[in-house]
Amino acid sequence: LFLWLGYLLLIPFTVHHYQDEIECEAPVFY
């Protein structure tokens, strides 16, 4: 669970919205 939390906090991710893909920074590093 702590590793999963670290992944969610520290790794950048993409959000898919309709035809768009939005690149998002990790919540900690924004």
All heavy atoms as atom14 arrays in JSON, in Angstrom:
{
  "sequence": "LFLWLGYLLLIPFTVHHYQDEIECEAPVFY",
  "atom14_mask": [
    [1, 1, 1, 1, 1, 1, 1, 1, 0, 0, 0, 0, 0, 0],
    [1, 1, 1, 1, 1, 1, 1, 1, 1, 1, 1, 0, 0, 0],
    [1, 1, 1, 1, 1, 1, 1, 1, 0, 0, 0, 0, 0, 0],
    [1, 1, 1, 1, 1, 1, 1, 1, 1, 1, 1, 1, 1, 1],
    [1, 1, 1, 1, 1, 1, 1, 1, 0, 0, 0, 0, 0, 0],
    [1, 1, 1, 1, 0, 0, 0, 0, 0, 0, 0, 0, 0, 0],
    [1, 1, 1, 1, 1, 1, 1, 1, 1, 1, 1, 1, 0, 0],
    [1, 1, 1, 1, 1, 1, 1, 1, 0, 0, 0, 0, 0, 0],
    [1, 1, 1, 1, 1, 1, 1, 1, 0, 0, 0, 0, 0, 0],
    [1, 1, 1, 1, 1, 1, 1, 1, 0, 0, 0, 0, 0, 0],
    [1, 1, 1, 1, 1, 1, 1, 1, 0, 0, 0, 0, 0, 0],
    [1, 1, 1, 1, 1, 1, 1, 0, 0, 0, 0, 0, 0, 0],
    [1, 1, 1, 1, 1, 1, 1, 1, 1, 1, 1, 0, 0, 0],
    [1, 1, 1, 1, 1, 1, 1, 0, 0, 0, 0, 0, 0, 0],
    [1, 1, 1, 1, 1, 1, 1, 0, 0, 0, 0, 0, 0, 0],
    [1, 1, 1, 1, 1, 1, 1, 1, 1, 1, 0, 0, 0, 0],
    [1, 1, 1, 1, 1, 1, 1, 1, 1, 1, 0, 0, 0, 0],
    [1, 1, 1, 1, 1, 1, 1, 1, 1, 1, 1, 1, 0, 0],
    [1, 1, 1, 1, 1, 1, 1, 1, 1, 0, 0, 0, 0, 0],
    [1, 1, 1, 1, 1, 1, 1, 1, 0, 0, 0, 0, 0, 0],
    [1, 1, 1, 1, 1, 1, 1, 1, 1, 0, 0, 0, 0, 0],
    [1, 1, 1, 1, 1, 1, 1, 1, 0, 0, 0, 0, 0, 0],
    [1, 1, 1, 1, 1, 1, 1, 1, 1, 0, 0, 0, 0, 0],
    [1, 1, 1, 1, 1, 1, 0, 0, 0, 0, 0, 0, 0, 0],
    [1, 1, 1, 1, 1, 1, 1, 1, 1, 0, 0, 0, 0, 0],
    [1, 1, 1, 1, 1, 0, 0, 0, 0, 0, 0, 0, 0, 0],
    [1, 1, 1, 1, 1, 1, 1, 0, 0, 0, 0, 0, 0, 0],
    [1, 1, 1, 1, 1, 1, 1, 0, 0, 0, 0, 0, 0, 0],
    [1, 1, 1, 1, 1, 1, 1, 1, 1, 1, 1, 0, 0, 0],
    [1, 1, 1, 1, 1, 1, 1, 1, 1, 1, 1, 1, 0, 0]
  ],
  "atom14_positions": [
    [[0.82, -1.21, 0.0], [0.0, 0.0, 0.0], [0.85, 1.26, 0.0], [0.55, 2.23, -0.71], [-0.95, 0.0, 1.2], [-2.13, -0.97, 1.11], [-2.84, -1.06, 2.45], [-3.1, -0.54, 0.02], [0.0, 0.0, 0.0], [0.0, 0.0, 0.0], [0.0, 0.0, 0.0], [0.0, 0.0, 0.0], [0.0, 0.0, 0.0], [0.0, 0.0, 0.0]],
    [[1.94, 1.27, 0.77], [2.82, 2.43, 0.78], [3.52, 2.61, -0.57], [3.72, 3.73, -1.04], [3.85, 2.34, 1.9], [3.32, 2.73, 3.25], [3.41, 1.87, 4.33], [2.73, 3.97, 3.46], [2.93, 2.23, 5.58], [2.23, 4.34, 4.7], [2.33, 3.46, 5.76], [0.0, 0.0, 0.0], [0.0, 0.0, 0.0], [0.0, 0.0, 0.0]],
    [[3.9, 1.5, -1.22], [4.5, 1.61, -2.56], [3.49, 2.15, -3.56], [3.84, 2.96, -4.43], [5.02, 0.24, -3.01], [6.29, -0.23, -2.33], [6.6, -1.67, -2.72], [7.45, 0.68, -2.69], [0.0, 0.0, 0.0], [0.0, 0.0, 0.0], [0.0, 0.0, 0.0], [0.0, 0.0, 0.0], [0.0, 0.0, 0.0], [0.0, 0.0, 0.0]],
    [[2.25, 1.71, -3.46], [1.2, 2.21, -4.35], [1.0, 3.71, -4.11], [0.87, 4.49, -5.05], [-0.08, 1.43, -4.12], [-1.22, 1.82, -5.02], [-1.15, 2.32, -6.29], [-2.61, 1.77, -4.71], [-2.41, 2.56, -6.78], [-3.32, 2.22, -5.82], [-3.31, 1.36, -3.58], [-4.7, 2.29, -5.84], [-4.69, 1.43, -3.62], [-5.37, 1.88, -4.74]],
    [[0.99, 4.12, -2.86], [0.86, 5.55, -2.54], [2.03, 6.33, -3.13], [1.85, 7.41, -3.7], [0.79, 5.76, -1.03], [0.73, 7.2, -0.55], [-0.52, 7.88, -1.06], [0.8, 7.25, 0.96], [0.0, 0.0, 0.0], [0.0, 0.0, 0.0], [0.0, 0.0, 0.0], [0.0, 0.0, 0.0], [0.0, 0.0, 0.0], [0.0, 0.0, 0.0]],
    [[3.24, 5.8, -2.99], [4.41, 6.46, -3.56], [4.3, 6.58, -5.08], [4.63, 7.63, -5.66], [0.0, 0.0, 0.0], [0.0, 0.0, 0.0], [0.0, 0.0, 0.0], [0.0, 0.0, 0.0], [0.0, 0.0, 0.0], [0.0, 0.0, 0.0], [0.0, 0.0, 0.0], [0.0, 0.0, 0.0], [0.0, 0.0, 0.0], [0.0, 0.0, 0.0]],
    [[3.8, 5.54, -5.72], [3.6, 5.57, -7.17], [2.6, 6.66, -7.53], [2.83, 7.44, -8.46], [3.11, 4.2, -7.66], [2.7, 4.19, -9.1], [3.65, 4.13, -10.11], [1.36, 4.26, -9.46], [3.28, 4.13, -11.45], [0.98, 4.26, -10.78], [1.94, 4.19, -11.77], [1.56, 4.21, -13.08], [0.0, 0.0, 0.0], [0.0, 0.0, 0.0]],
    [[1.49, 6.7, -6.8], [0.47, 7.71, -7.11], [0.96, 9.13, -6.87], [0.55, 10.06, -7.57], [-0.79, 7.45, -6.26], [-1.59, 6.2, -6.58], [-2.71, 6.03, -5.56], [-2.14, 6.25, -7.99], [0.0, 0.0, 0.0], [0.0, 0.0, 0.0], [0.0, 0.0, 0.0], [0.0, 0.0, 0.0], [0.0, 0.0, 0.0], [0.0, 0.0, 0.0]],
    [[1.84, 9.31, -5.9], [2.33, 10.66, -5.57], [3.5, 11.11, -6.44], [3.64, 12.3, -6.71], [2.76, 10.71, -4.11], [1.66, 10.77, -3.07], [2.26, 10.64, -1.68], [0.88, 12.06, -3.19], [0.0, 0.0, 0.0], [0.0, 0.0, 0.0], [0.0, 0.0, 0.0], [0.0, 0.0, 0.0], [0.0, 0.0, 0.0], [0.0, 0.0, 0.0]],
    [[4.34, 10.19, -6.88], [5.62, 10.58, -7.48], [5.73, 10.37, -8.99], [6.67, 10.87, -9.6], [6.76, 9.81, -6.79], [6.87, 10.03, -5.28], [7.9, 9.09, -4.7], [7.2, 11.47, -4.97], [0.0, 0.0, 0.0], [0.0, 0.0, 0.0], [0.0, 0.0, 0.0], [0.0, 0.0, 0.0], [0.0, 0.0, 0.0], [0.0, 0.0, 0.0]],
    [[4.83, 9.63, -9.61], [4.96, 9.29, -11.02], [3.99, 10.13, -11.85], [2.79, 10.2, -11.54], [4.67, 7.78, -11.25], [5.59, 6.92, -10.39], [4.78, 7.41, -12.72], [7.05, 7.06, -10.69], [0.0, 0.0, 0.0], [0.0, 0.0, 0.0], [0.0, 0.0, 0.0], [0.0, 0.0, 0.0], [0.0, 0.0, 0.0], [0.0, 0.0, 0.0]],
    [[4.48, 10.77, -12.93], [3.59, 11.52, -13.82], [2.58, 10.57, -14.49], [2.84, 9.38, -14.63], [4.52, 12.13, -14.87], [5.87, 12.01, -14.31], [5.87, 10.89, -13.33], [0.0, 0.0, 0.0], [0.0, 0.0, 0.0], [0.0, 0.0, 0.0], [0.0, 0.0, 0.0], [0.0, 0.0, 0.0], [0.0, 0.0, 0.0], [0.0, 0.0, 0.0]],
    [[1.45, 11.12, -14.92], [0.4, 10.28, -15.49], [-0.32, 11.03, -16.59], [-0.11, 12.23, -16.79], [-0.57, 9.83, -14.39], [-1.25, 10.96, -13.67], [-2.54, 11.34, -14.01], [-0.61, 11.65, -12.65], [-3.17, 12.37, -13.35], [-1.23, 12.68, -11.99], [-2.51, 13.06, -12.34], [0.0, 0.0, 0.0], [0.0, 0.0, 0.0], [0.0, 0.0, 0.0]],
    [[-1.14, 10.29, -17.32], [-1.95, 10.9, -18.37], [-3.43, 10.7, -18.06], [-3.82, 9.69, -17.49], [-1.65, 10.28, -19.76], [-1.9, 8.9, -19.69], [-0.21, 10.53, -20.17], [0.0, 0.0, 0.0], [0.0, 0.0, 0.0], [0.0, 0.0, 0.0], [0.0, 0.0, 0.0], [0.0, 0.0, 0.0], [0.0, 0.0, 0.0], [0.0, 0.0, 0.0]],
    [[-4.22, 11.68, -18.46], [-5.66, 11.6, -18.29], [-6.27, 11.56, -19.68], [-5.97, 12.39, -20.53], [-6.19, 12.83, -17.51], [-7.7, 12.81, -17.44], [-5.6, 12.86, -16.13], [0.0, 0.0, 0.0], [0.0, 0.0, 0.0], [0.0, 0.0, 0.0], [0.0, 0.0, 0.0], [0.0, 0.0, 0.0], [0.0, 0.0, 0.0], [0.0, 0.0, 0.0]],
    [[-7.11, 10.58, -19.92], [-7.8, 10.45, -21.21], [-9.17, 11.09, -21.09], [-9.97, 10.74, -20.23], [-7.95, 8.98, -21.59], [-6.64, 8.26, -21.66], [-5.79, 8.4, -22.72], [-6.02, 7.42, -20.78], [-4.7, 7.66, -22.51], [-4.83, 7.06, -21.33], [0.0, 0.0, 0.0], [0.0, 0.0, 0.0], [0.0, 0.0, 0.0], [0.0, 0.0, 0.0]],
    [[-9.41, 12.06, -21.98], [-10.7, 12.75, -21.98], [-11.16, 12.85, -23.43], [-10.58, 13.61, -24.21], [-10.55, 14.13, -21.33], [-11.86, 14.82, -21.14], [-12.31, 15.76, -22.04], [-12.81, 14.7, -20.19], [-13.49, 16.2, -21.62], [-13.81, 15.58, -20.5], [0.0, 0.0, 0.0], [0.0, 0.0, 0.0], [0.0, 0.0, 0.0], [0.0, 0.0, 0.0]],
    [[-12.2, 12.12, -23.76], [-12.7, 12.04, -25.13], [-11.54, 11.68, -26.06], [-10.97, 10.62, -25.96], [-13.4, 13.33, -25.55], [-14.62, 13.62, -24.71], [-14.64, 14.7, -23.84], [-15.74, 12.8, -24.78], [-15.76, 14.97, -23.06], [-16.85, 13.07, -24.0], [-16.86, 14.14, -23.14], [-17.94, 14.41, -22.37], [0.0, 0.0, 0.0], [0.0, 0.0, 0.0]],
    [[-11.17, 12.56, -26.98], [-10.09, 12.3, -27.92], [-8.75, 12.83, -27.41], [-7.72, 12.57, -28.03], [-10.41, 12.95, -29.28], [-11.67, 12.47, -29.94], [-11.56, 11.02, -30.39], [-10.48, 10.54, -30.7], [-12.69, 10.32, -30.42], [0.0, 0.0, 0.0], [0.0, 0.0, 0.0], [0.0, 0.0, 0.0], [0.0, 0.0, 0.0], [0.0, 0.0, 0.0]],
    [[-8.75, 13.56, -26.33], [-7.53, 14.2, -25.83], [-6.83, 13.32, -24.81], [-7.45, 12.54, -24.09], [-7.86, 15.54, -25.16], [-8.46, 16.54, -26.13], [-8.24, 16.37, -27.33], [-9.13, 17.47, -25.66], [0.0, 0.0, 0.0], [0.0, 0.0, 0.0], [0.0, 0.0, 0.0], [0.0, 0.0, 0.0], [0.0, 0.0, 0.0], [0.0, 0.0, 0.0]],
    [[-5.52, 13.5, -24.75], [-4.69, 12.92, -23.69], [-3.95, 14.07, -23.04], [-3.2, 14.79, -23.69], [-3.68, 11.92, -24.25], [-4.18, 10.54, -24.32], [-3.07, 9.54, -24.6], [-1.88, 9.91, -24.55], [-3.4, 8.39, -24.88], [0.0, 0.0, 0.0], [0.0, 0.0, 0.0], [0.0, 0.0, 0.0], [0.0, 0.0, 0.0], [0.0, 0.0, 0.0]],
    [[-4.18, 14.25, -21.76], [-3.55, 15.34, -21.03], [-2.42, 14.76, -20.19], [-2.63, 13.83, -19.41], [-4.56, 16.06, -20.12], [-5.72, 16.6, -20.95], [-3.88, 17.15, -19.32], [-6.87, 17.11, -20.12], [0.0, 0.0, 0.0], [0.0, 0.0, 0.0], [0.0, 0.0, 0.0], [0.0, 0.0, 0.0], [0.0, 0.0, 0.0], [0.0, 0.0, 0.0]],
    [[-1.22, 15.28, -20.39], [-0.07, 14.86, -19.58], [-0.09, 15.64, -18.27], [-0.12, 16.87, -18.28], [1.24, 15.13, -20.32], [1.41, 14.31, -21.58], [1.62, 12.84, -21.29], [2.26, 12.51, -20.26], [1.16, 12.01, -22.09], [0.0, 0.0, 0.0], [0.0, 0.0, 0.0], [0.0, 0.0, 0.0], [0.0, 0.0, 0.0], [0.0, 0.0, 0.0]],
    [[-0.07, 14.93, -17.18], [-0.12, 15.57, -15.86], [1.16, 15.27, -15.09], [1.69, 14.17, -15.16], [-1.31, 15.06, -15.06], [-2.9, 15.33, -15.85], [0.0, 0.0, 0.0], [0.0, 0.0, 0.0], [0.0, 0.0, 0.0], [0.0, 0.0, 0.0], [0.0, 0.0, 0.0], [0.0, 0.0, 0.0], [0.0, 0.0, 0.0], [0.0, 0.0, 0.0]],
    [[1.61, 16.26, -14.35], [2.77, 16.05, -13.48], [2.33, 15.28, -12.24], [1.15, 15.24, -11.9], [3.35, 17.39, -13.05], [3.99, 18.16, -14.17], [4.61, 19.46, -13.67], [5.17, 19.45, -12.56], [4.5, 20.46, -14.38], [0.0, 0.0, 0.0], [0.0, 0.0, 0.0], [0.0, 0.0, 0.0], [0.0, 0.0, 0.0], [0.0, 0.0, 0.0]],
    [[3.29, 14.7, -11.58], [3.0, 14.03, -10.31], [2.51, 15.05, -9.3], [2.98, 16.19, -9.29], [4.24, 13.33, -9.8], [0.0, 0.0, 0.0], [0.0, 0.0, 0.0], [0.0, 0.0, 0.0], [0.0, 0.0, 0.0], [0.0, 0.0, 0.0], [0.0, 0.0, 0.0], [0.0, 0.0, 0.0], [0.0, 0.0, 0.0], [0.0, 0.0, 0.0]],
    [[1.55, 14.69, -8.45], [1.02, 15.67, -7.49], [2.09, 16.29, -6.59], [1.99, 17.47, -6.26], [0.04, 14.84, -6.66], [-0.37, 13.72, -7.54], [0.83, 13.43, -8.39], [0.0, 0.0, 0.0], [0.0, 0.0, 0.0], [0.0, 0.0, 0.0], [0.0, 0.0, 0.0], [0.0, 0.0, 0.0], [0.0, 0.0, 0.0], [0.0, 0.0, 0.0]],
    [[3.1, 15.56, -6.24], [4.13, 16.1, -5.35], [5.01, 17.12, -6.06], [5.43, 18.11, -5.47], [5.0, 14.95, -4.79], [6.21, 15.48, -4.05], [4.17, 14.08, -3.88], [0.0, 0.0, 0.0], [0.0, 0.0, 0.0], [0.0, 0.0, 0.0], [0.0, 0.0, 0.0], [0.0, 0.0, 0.0], [0.0, 0.0, 0.0], [0.0, 0.0, 0.0]],
    [[5.27, 16.9, -7.35], [6.22, 17.76, -8.07], [5.55, 18.88, -8.86], [6.23, 19.61, -9.56], [7.07, 16.91, -9.01], [7.89, 15.9, -8.3], [7.8, 14.56, -8.62], [8.76, 16.27, -7.29], [8.55, 13.62, -7.96], [9.52, 15.34, -6.63], [9.41, 14.0, -6.95], [0.0, 0.0, 0.0], [0.0, 0.0, 0.0], [0.0, 0.0, 0.0]],
    [[4.25, 19.02, -8.76], [3.59, 20.1, -9.48], [3.99, 21.42, -8.85], [3.77, 21.64, -7.67], [2.07, 19.93, -9.45], [1.35, 20.98, -10.24], [1.29, 20.89, -11.62], [0.74, 22.06, -9.62], [0.65, 21.85, -12.36], [0.1, 23.02, -10.35], [0.05, 22.92, -11.73], [-0.6, 23.87, -12.46], [0.0, 0.0, 0.0], [0.0, 0.0, 0.0]]
  ]
}
